[in-house]
Amino acid sequence: MEYTTQMDAARKGIITKEMEAVAQKEHLPAEKLRELMAQGKVIIPCNKRHTCISPNGLGAMLQTKINVNLGTSRDMTDLDMEFEKVQNAVDMGAEAIMDLSSFGDTRKFRRHLTQNCPAMIGTVPIYDAVVYYHKPLIKITSQEWLDIVKMHAEDGVDFMTIHCGINKETAHKFKKNKRLTNIVSRGGSIIFAWMEMTGEENPFYEHFDEILTICREYDVTLSLGDACRPGCLKDATDASQIEELITLGELTKRAWEKDVQVMIEGPGHMPLNQIAANMEIQKTLCHGAPFYVLGPIVTDVAPGYDHITSAIGGAVAASNGASFLCYVTPAEHLRLPDVNDVKQGIIAAKIAAHAADIAKGVPHAVDWDNEMSFARKSLDWDKMFELAIDPETARRYRESSRPEKEDTCSMCGNFCAVKNMNRILDGEIVSIFDE
């Protein structure tokens, strides 16, 4: 039986090779995975032209995945550095790479990713349109915006952020309800400015059916962009954010009618006590579609440490239902991240994702922790390094301060509780100062 998209296959009762691969990774029966995909609660972003992909699933009952943003800008155009970031991200286990390039030969970089990278590849076509057409924003036509979406689909992109929720009605709500930090989404600000200057409706909203036709042809997953995500704590869960979310829920149903896979993008900056409620609101308004969150960043006062503020919010969000965490680096709000910033962002996001998986009872998530605990109990340092989320850093810390006794560390030495408990329970004599 033929099918057009992974969702179409799931609804026809077909278990694709991509579903089989994901089911094996997730320790989930393939039939259960298929059922969740048919309902739109799980997606496998997998463009038909991205043939080197290692498929991963996002959504209910699955492990929380992480996305790594990178790409060139006017001030940072080093493609070799971006390629190095990509390779490092894949090596460190990132499931998705999002190319946010806004300068230079963006198509060359995008095609390199889809031809060589096994991770899911995402893009934001609206950025590329500004680069590609190289003309004033006001002169870009509705058709030209759509043509860029088609180009990205042809290039093999697995998911695209499309800012189609900020229509004229949402924009009116935004202007009526003043914000402290206005619109902080780059794509959202671009399409809002275009709408204001031309007086026209958002073409991604107005021509949504054409976008669905493109996505269906190539099996591109729609990541419905949150143009009105809050950019500071004060703006969290305001009228603009909720108004846009309502629209995204309506568009989700329209996409599902065409068998197009969908995920919803979410906040943003948000107080810790609002995150769980926001996840419930999203699940309700968007009918259980997978939720993709940037952070949320839980305080506005930590530039240089926003990988930490983001990991705190991400752990809470994912434990309450978010499926996909977009990493945030220490360079957030400050500059384009370098290779080390990317590493720090990935590690923080992976910690948050894993902590959430344990909290929500994802099958076998805690097995990793149990293995580490057994290695610690056994004082098996090599096994601890092997199991560490960042083995290189763990080894470096130990090597920087070698203990007198190899079975201890330089903090406790002979006072090591683990060592002494092992010995006393084995019937040995413990004499700390005489050893």
Protein backbone atom coordinates (compact mmCIF):
# COMPACT_ATOMS: atom_id res chain seq x y z
CA MET A 1 0.00 0.00 0.00
CA GLU A 2 1.35 3.42 -0.93
CA TYR A 3 1.54 6.41 1.43
CA THR A 4 2.58 10.06 1.17
CA THR A 5 3.75 10.94 4.69
CA GLN A 6 4.61 9.09 7.89
CA MET A 7 1.27 10.24 9.29
CA ASP A 8 -0.57 8.96 6.21
CA ALA A 9 1.14 5.59 6.60
CA ALA A 10 0.22 5.42 10.28
CA ARG A 11 -3.42 6.14 9.51
CA LYS A 12 -3.45 3.42 6.86
CA GLY A 13 -2.08 0.88 9.34
CA ILE A 14 1.37 0.77 7.73
CA ILE A 15 4.48 0.45 9.91
CA THR A 16 7.29 2.11 7.97
CA LYS A 17 10.98 1.34 8.32
CA GLU A 18 11.33 4.70 10.08
CA MET A 19 8.69 3.69 12.63
CA GLU A 20 10.47 0.38 13.20
CA ALA A 21 13.78 2.17 13.80
CA VAL A 22 12.22 4.64 16.25
CA ALA A 23 10.26 1.93 18.08
CA GLN A 24 13.48 0.01 18.66
CA LYS A 25 15.27 3.10 20.02
CA GLU A 26 12.34 3.89 22.31
CA HIS A 27 11.72 0.34 23.63
CA LEU A 28 8.14 0.73 22.43
CA PRO A 29 6.01 -1.69 20.37
CA ALA A 30 5.91 -0.52 16.75
CA GLU A 31 2.13 -0.85 16.68
CA LYS A 32 1.78 1.46 19.69
CA LEU A 33 4.05 3.99 18.02
CA ARG A 34 1.96 3.81 14.85
CA GLU A 35 -1.24 4.45 16.83
CA LEU A 36 0.26 7.55 18.47
CA MET A 37 1.43 8.84 15.08
CA ALA A 38 -2.01 8.34 13.57
CA GLN A 39 -3.37 10.59 16.34
CA GLY A 40 -0.71 13.27 15.78
CA LYS A 41 0.75 12.75 19.26
CA VAL A 42 4.05 11.44 17.88
CA ILE A 43 5.96 12.59 14.79
CA ILE A 44 9.00 11.36 12.89
CA PRO A 45 10.40 14.37 11.00
CA CYS A 46 11.95 12.73 7.95
CA ASN A 47 12.02 14.43 4.53
CA LYS A 48 11.95 11.91 1.69
CA ARG A 49 15.11 13.52 0.27
CA HIS A 50 17.13 13.33 3.50
CA THR A 51 18.34 9.81 2.83
CA CYS A 52 21.21 9.75 5.37
CA ILE A 53 18.95 10.49 8.36
CA SER A 54 18.84 8.30 11.44
CA PRO A 55 15.13 8.64 12.28
CA ASN A 56 13.99 9.88 15.67
CA GLY A 57 10.53 10.36 17.10
CA LEU A 58 9.12 13.27 19.09
CA GLY A 59 6.05 13.14 21.29
CA ALA A 60 4.05 11.22 23.85
CA MET A 61 5.75 8.30 25.67
CA LEU A 62 9.09 8.95 23.92
CA GLN A 63 12.42 10.19 25.23
CA THR A 64 12.83 13.96 25.27
CA LYS A 65 14.97 15.07 22.32
CA ILE A 66 17.18 18.14 21.94
CA ASN A 67 17.78 20.54 19.07
CA VAL A 68 20.95 22.52 18.38
CA ASN A 69 20.66 25.92 16.69
CA LEU A 70 23.59 27.12 14.60
CA GLY A 71 24.36 28.88 11.32
CA THR A 72 26.14 31.90 9.93
CA SER A 73 25.38 35.57 10.52
CA ARG A 74 26.67 38.81 8.98
CA ASP A 75 29.28 39.12 11.74
CA MET A 76 30.23 35.41 11.81
CA THR A 77 30.56 33.80 8.37
CA ASP A 78 32.97 30.93 9.05
CA LEU A 79 31.35 27.85 7.47
CA ASP A 80 34.14 25.58 8.68
CA MET A 81 33.33 26.55 12.27
CA GLU A 82 29.66 25.79 11.66
CA PHE A 83 30.54 22.39 10.18
CA GLU A 84 32.64 21.67 13.28
CA LYS A 85 29.71 22.61 15.50
CA VAL A 86 27.47 20.25 13.53
CA GLN A 87 29.87 17.34 13.87
CA ASN A 88 30.37 17.97 17.59
CA ALA A 89 26.62 18.19 18.13
CA VAL A 90 26.04 14.86 16.37
CA ASP A 91 28.90 13.24 18.28
CA MET A 92 27.38 14.44 21.55
CA GLY A 93 24.01 12.92 20.74
CA ALA A 94 21.91 15.88 19.57
CA GLU A 95 18.92 14.54 17.64
CA ALA A 96 18.32 17.68 15.58
CA ILE A 97 20.27 20.51 13.99
CA MET A 98 18.48 23.73 13.13
CA ASP A 99 20.16 25.91 10.53
CA LEU A 100 19.41 29.55 11.33
CA SER A 101 21.89 30.98 8.80
CA SER A 102 21.14 34.59 7.90
CA PHE A 103 24.14 35.48 5.70
CA GLY A 104 26.29 34.05 2.90
CA ASP A 105 25.69 30.95 0.80
CA THR A 106 22.92 29.55 2.95
CA ARG A 107 21.84 26.93 0.42
CA LYS A 108 25.32 25.40 0.27
CA PHE A 109 25.33 24.91 4.03
CA ARG A 110 21.75 23.61 4.12
CA ARG A 111 22.41 21.07 1.36
CA HIS A 112 25.59 19.92 3.06
CA LEU A 113 23.53 19.17 6.18
CA THR A 114 20.82 17.20 4.41
CA GLN A 115 23.37 15.25 2.35
CA ASN A 116 25.74 14.38 5.19
CA CYS A 117 24.13 14.76 8.60
CA PRO A 118 22.18 11.90 10.25
CA ALA A 119 20.33 14.25 12.63
CA MET A 120 16.97 15.81 11.83
CA ILE A 121 17.50 19.09 9.98
CA GLY A 122 15.31 22.12 10.61
CA THR A 123 15.25 25.60 9.09
CA VAL A 124 13.36 28.89 9.26
CA PRO A 125 12.59 29.78 5.61
CA ILE A 126 11.68 33.37 6.44
CA TYR A 127 15.32 34.13 7.35
CA ASP A 128 16.55 32.67 4.11
CA ALA A 129 14.08 34.64 2.00
CA VAL A 130 15.60 37.91 3.20
CA VAL A 131 19.09 36.61 2.31
CA TYR A 132 18.11 34.95 -0.95
CA TYR A 133 16.17 37.80 -2.54
CA HIS A 134 18.55 40.49 -1.28
CA LYS A 135 16.03 43.30 -1.54
CA PRO A 136 14.03 45.49 0.84
CA LEU A 137 11.61 43.54 3.03
CA ILE A 138 8.59 45.46 1.75
CA LYS A 139 9.32 44.34 -1.83
CA ILE A 140 9.23 40.59 -1.10
CA THR A 141 5.97 39.20 -2.45
CA SER A 142 3.67 36.61 -0.92
CA GLN A 143 4.61 34.15 -3.66
CA GLU A 144 8.32 34.68 -2.99
CA TRP A 145 7.84 33.78 0.67
CA LEU A 146 6.16 30.53 -0.40
CA ASP A 147 8.83 29.76 -3.01
CA ILE A 148 11.48 29.68 -0.29
CA VAL A 149 9.43 27.11 1.63
CA LYS A 150 9.36 24.98 -1.53
CA MET A 151 13.13 25.36 -1.98
CA HIS A 152 13.86 24.19 1.56
CA ALA A 153 11.59 21.18 1.09
CA GLU A 154 13.39 20.29 -2.14
CA ASP A 155 16.73 20.58 -0.33
CA GLY A 156 15.71 17.83 2.09
CA VAL A 157 14.84 19.76 5.25
CA ASP A 158 12.94 17.60 7.77
CA PHE A 159 11.10 20.31 9.69
CA MET A 160 10.49 24.00 9.12
CA THR A 161 9.51 26.74 11.49
CA ILE A 162 6.69 28.64 9.80
CA HIS A 163 5.38 31.74 11.57
CA CYS A 164 1.77 31.42 10.44
CA GLY A 165 0.03 32.07 13.77
CA ILE A 166 0.63 35.82 13.78
CA ASN A 167 -2.15 36.89 11.43
CA LYS A 168 -3.82 40.30 11.31
CA GLU A 169 -6.08 39.42 14.24
CA THR A 170 -3.15 38.32 16.43
CA ALA A 171 -1.14 41.38 15.40
CA HIS A 172 -4.04 43.61 16.44
CA LYS A 173 -4.16 41.88 19.81
CA PHE A 174 -0.41 42.40 20.20
CA LYS A 175 -0.63 46.15 19.50
CA LYS A 176 -3.60 46.54 21.83
CA ASN A 177 -1.93 44.75 24.74
CA LYS A 178 1.44 46.46 25.21
CA ARG A 179 4.46 44.32 26.08
CA LEU A 180 7.68 45.11 27.86
CA THR A 181 9.86 43.47 25.19
CA ASN A 182 7.52 43.46 22.17
CA ILE A 183 8.16 40.56 19.71
CA VAL A 184 11.53 38.88 20.26
CA SER A 185 11.16 36.13 17.65
CA ARG A 186 13.31 37.02 14.65
CA GLY A 187 10.90 35.41 12.21
CA GLY A 188 7.93 36.87 14.03
CA SER A 189 9.34 40.38 13.94
CA ILE A 190 10.14 40.08 10.23
CA ILE A 191 6.65 38.94 9.21
CA PHE A 192 5.00 41.46 11.56
CA ALA A 193 7.04 44.28 9.97
CA TRP A 194 6.13 43.02 6.48
CA MET A 195 2.44 42.95 7.36
CA GLU A 196 2.58 46.45 8.84
CA MET A 197 4.40 47.89 5.81
CA THR A 198 2.34 46.19 3.11
CA GLY A 199 -1.03 46.07 4.84
CA GLU A 200 -1.39 42.47 3.66
CA GLU A 201 -2.27 39.32 5.59
CA ASN A 202 0.54 37.02 6.70
CA PRO A 203 1.13 34.94 3.53
CA PHE A 204 2.00 31.85 5.57
CA TYR A 205 -1.44 32.07 7.18
CA GLU A 206 -3.34 33.19 4.09
CA HIS A 207 -1.80 30.48 1.88
CA PHE A 208 -1.53 27.78 4.52
CA ASP A 209 -3.08 25.17 2.22
CA GLU A 210 -0.27 25.72 -0.31
CA ILE A 211 2.30 25.16 2.43
CA LEU A 212 0.53 21.93 3.40
CA THR A 213 0.71 20.76 -0.21
CA ILE A 214 4.49 21.29 -0.19
CA CYS A 215 4.91 19.56 3.17
CA ARG A 216 2.79 16.61 2.07
CA GLU A 217 4.80 16.13 -1.14
CA TYR A 218 8.17 15.89 0.65
CA ASP A 219 6.94 14.78 4.10
CA VAL A 220 8.19 17.91 5.82
CA THR A 221 7.06 18.36 9.42
CA LEU A 222 5.54 21.74 10.20
CA SER A 223 6.95 23.39 13.29
CA LEU A 224 4.32 26.02 13.91
CA GLY A 225 6.37 29.00 15.06
CA ASP A 226 5.64 31.06 18.15
CA ALA A 227 6.11 34.60 16.86
CA CYS A 228 4.56 35.91 20.07
CA ARG A 229 6.63 33.89 22.51
CA PRO A 230 7.44 35.97 25.61
CA GLY A 231 10.87 37.60 25.62
CA CYS A 232 10.88 38.36 29.33
CA LEU A 233 9.19 37.11 32.47
CA LYS A 234 6.76 40.03 32.54
CA ASP A 235 5.33 39.12 29.13
CA ALA A 236 4.79 35.41 29.87
CA THR A 237 1.32 33.92 29.32
CA ASP A 238 -0.10 37.20 28.03
CA ALA A 239 -2.96 37.73 25.59
CA SER A 240 -0.71 37.72 22.49
CA GLN A 241 0.91 34.41 23.38
CA ILE A 242 -2.43 32.69 24.08
CA GLU A 243 -4.15 34.23 21.04
CA GLU A 244 -1.42 32.87 18.78
CA LEU A 245 -1.59 29.46 20.45
CA ILE A 246 -5.32 29.26 19.72
CA THR A 247 -4.59 29.95 16.06
CA LEU A 248 -1.85 27.32 16.01
CA GLY A 249 -4.32 24.79 17.39
CA GLU A 250 -6.71 25.54 14.51
CA LEU A 251 -3.89 25.22 11.97
CA THR A 252 -2.82 21.91 13.53
CA LYS A 253 -6.21 20.39 12.71
CA ARG A 254 -5.98 21.67 9.14
CA ALA A 255 -2.52 20.12 8.75
CA TRP A 256 -3.70 16.77 10.11
CA GLU A 257 -6.52 16.75 7.57
CA LYS A 258 -3.77 16.67 4.92
CA ASP A 259 -1.69 14.04 6.80
CA VAL A 260 1.03 16.59 7.51
CA GLN A 261 3.01 16.07 10.72
CA VAL A 262 2.99 18.99 13.17
CA MET A 263 4.75 20.20 16.29
CA ILE A 264 4.06 23.40 18.19
CA GLU A 265 6.74 25.86 19.30
CA GLY A 266 6.52 27.39 22.76
CA PRO A 267 8.06 29.88 25.16
CA GLY A 268 10.43 31.65 25.66
CA HIS A 269 11.02 33.40 28.96
CA MET A 270 8.69 32.30 31.75
CA PRO A 271 8.57 32.19 35.56
CA LEU A 272 9.11 28.70 36.91
CA ASN A 273 5.64 28.53 38.46
CA GLN A 274 3.89 29.13 35.11
CA ILE A 275 5.62 26.41 33.07
CA ALA A 276 3.51 23.39 34.03
CA ALA A 277 0.28 25.30 33.42
CA ASN A 278 1.54 26.42 30.01
CA MET A 279 2.24 22.83 29.01
CA GLU A 280 -1.35 21.89 29.92
CA ILE A 281 -2.73 24.86 27.98
CA GLN A 282 -0.72 23.86 24.92
CA LYS A 283 -1.81 20.22 25.08
CA THR A 284 -5.43 21.33 25.32
CA LEU A 285 -5.43 24.06 22.65
CA CYS A 286 -3.21 22.12 20.22
CA HIS A 287 -4.84 18.71 20.68
CA GLY A 288 -1.82 16.86 22.04
CA ALA A 289 0.59 17.72 19.21
CA PRO A 290 4.25 17.49 20.29
CA PHE A 291 5.54 20.65 21.96
CA TYR A 292 8.94 22.17 21.11
CA VAL A 293 10.22 24.70 23.67
CA LEU A 294 13.05 27.21 23.71
CA GLY A 295 14.05 26.97 27.35
CA PRO A 296 11.93 28.21 28.92
CA ILE A 297 14.42 30.64 30.45
CA VAL A 298 13.30 31.12 34.05
CA THR A 299 15.07 34.37 34.94
CA ASP A 300 16.17 37.36 32.88
CA VAL A 301 19.25 38.32 34.90
CA ALA A 302 21.82 35.63 33.99
CA PRO A 303 23.50 36.55 30.68
CA GLY A 304 26.47 34.25 30.25
CA TYR A 305 24.65 31.49 32.14
CA ASP A 306 21.44 31.11 30.15
CA HIS A 307 22.27 27.48 29.38
CA ILE A 308 21.55 26.96 33.09
CA THR A 309 18.40 29.11 33.28
CA SER A 310 17.17 27.26 30.18
CA ALA A 311 17.98 23.79 31.55
CA ILE A 312 15.99 24.53 34.70
CA GLY A 313 12.95 25.54 32.68
CA GLY A 314 13.44 22.77 30.13
CA ALA A 315 13.44 20.07 32.80
CA VAL A 316 10.17 21.36 34.21
CA ALA A 317 8.62 21.76 30.75
CA ALA A 318 9.61 18.29 29.57
CA SER A 319 8.52 16.62 32.79
CA ASN A 320 5.11 18.20 32.18
CA GLY A 321 4.79 17.10 28.57
CA ALA A 322 7.17 19.00 26.28
CA SER A 323 8.75 16.63 23.75
CA PHE A 324 11.60 18.64 22.27
CA LEU A 325 14.03 21.05 23.93
CA CYS A 326 15.88 23.67 21.95
CA TYR A 327 19.25 24.12 23.60
CA VAL A 328 20.38 27.52 24.82
CA THR A 329 24.09 28.34 25.07
CA PRO A 330 26.00 30.61 27.49
CA ALA A 331 26.24 33.07 24.60
CA GLU A 332 22.44 33.54 24.37
CA HIS A 333 21.52 37.25 24.19
CA LEU A 334 25.22 38.11 23.76
CA ARG A 335 26.73 36.73 20.51
CA LEU A 336 26.85 33.83 18.09
CA PRO A 337 27.99 30.76 20.06
CA ASP A 338 31.41 29.25 19.43
CA VAL A 339 32.25 25.54 19.52
CA ASN A 340 32.65 25.45 23.31
CA ASP A 341 29.40 27.38 23.84
CA VAL A 342 27.62 24.79 21.71
CA LYS A 343 29.04 22.00 23.86
CA GLN A 344 27.91 23.70 27.08
CA GLY A 345 24.44 24.24 25.66
CA ILE A 346 24.10 20.63 24.54
CA ILE A 347 25.23 19.23 27.88
CA ALA A 348 22.80 21.44 29.80
CA ALA A 349 19.92 20.49 27.49
CA LYS A 350 20.74 16.77 27.66
CA ILE A 351 20.76 16.92 31.48
CA ALA A 352 17.37 18.63 31.45
CA ALA A 353 15.93 16.13 28.96
CA HIS A 354 17.19 13.11 30.87
CA ALA A 355 15.99 14.46 34.22
CA ALA A 356 12.55 14.96 32.70
CA ASP A 357 12.49 11.47 31.20
CA ILE A 358 13.11 9.99 34.64
CA ALA A 359 10.36 12.16 36.15
CA LYS A 360 7.76 11.12 33.58
CA GLY A 361 8.71 7.45 33.64
CA VAL A 362 10.04 7.00 30.12
CA PRO A 363 10.89 3.27 29.77
CA HIS A 364 14.47 2.45 30.82
CA ALA A 365 15.43 6.12 31.37
CA VAL A 366 16.58 5.51 34.94
CA ASP A 367 18.64 2.46 33.92
CA TRP A 368 21.50 4.78 32.98
CA ASP A 369 21.50 6.30 36.47
CA ASN A 370 21.39 2.90 38.11
CA GLU A 371 24.43 1.81 36.13
CA MET A 372 26.29 4.94 37.23
CA SER A 373 25.33 4.34 40.85
CA PHE A 374 26.63 0.77 40.69
CA ALA A 375 29.92 2.03 39.22
CA ARG A 376 30.20 4.58 42.05
CA LYS A 377 29.47 1.95 44.68
CA SER A 378 32.18 -0.22 43.12
CA LEU A 379 34.60 2.73 42.89
CA ASP A 380 35.00 1.84 39.21
CA TRP A 381 36.31 5.14 37.88
CA ASP A 382 36.70 4.04 34.26
CA LYS A 383 33.08 2.86 34.17
CA MET A 384 31.94 6.16 35.71
CA PHE A 385 33.73 8.07 32.96
CA GLU A 386 32.23 5.79 30.31
CA LEU A 387 28.72 6.43 31.62
CA ALA A 388 29.14 10.17 32.21
CA ILE A 389 27.10 12.55 30.08
CA ASP A 390 30.41 14.33 29.35
CA PRO A 391 33.25 11.80 29.82
CA GLU A 392 35.97 14.23 28.75
CA THR A 393 35.16 16.78 31.44
CA ALA A 394 34.74 14.12 34.13
CA ARG A 395 38.17 12.66 33.35
CA ARG A 396 39.78 16.10 33.27
CA TYR A 397 38.49 16.99 36.73
CA ARG A 398 39.84 13.80 38.24
CA GLU A 399 43.20 14.08 36.50
CA SER A 400 43.61 17.68 37.65
CA SER A 401 43.76 16.58 41.32
CA ARG A 402 44.99 13.01 41.68
CA PRO A 403 44.36 11.41 45.10
CA GLU A 404 46.97 9.60 47.17
CA LYS A 405 44.87 6.43 47.01
CA GLU A 406 43.60 5.59 43.51
CA ASP A 407 40.33 4.14 44.79
CA THR A 408 39.30 7.48 46.33
CA CYS A 409 39.14 11.09 45.21
CA SER A 410 41.03 14.11 46.52
CA MET A 411 37.99 15.44 48.36
CA CYS A 412 37.50 12.57 50.82
CA GLY A 413 40.58 10.37 50.61
CA ASN A 414 40.42 7.77 53.40
CA PHE A 415 37.21 9.39 54.66
CA CYS A 416 35.44 8.04 51.56
CA ALA A 417 32.05 6.80 52.76
CA VAL A 418 31.65 4.45 49.80
CA LYS A 419 35.02 2.78 50.38
CA ASN A 420 34.53 2.48 54.12
CA MET A 421 30.99 1.10 53.88
CA ASN A 422 32.11 -1.50 51.33
CA ARG A 423 34.85 -2.62 53.68
CA ILE A 424 32.86 -2.70 56.90
CA LEU A 425 30.01 -4.61 55.25
CA ASP A 426 32.59 -7.11 53.98
CA GLY A 427 33.69 -7.67 57.58
CA GLU A 428 36.96 -5.74 57.29
CA ILE A 429 38.42 -3.37 59.90
CA VAL A 430 38.18 0.34 59.02
CA SER A 431 40.92 2.50 60.55
CA ILE A 432 40.90 5.74 58.62
CA PHE A 433 44.02 7.49 59.94
CA ASP A 434 46.25 4.39 59.97
CA GLU A 435 45.86 3.58 56.29
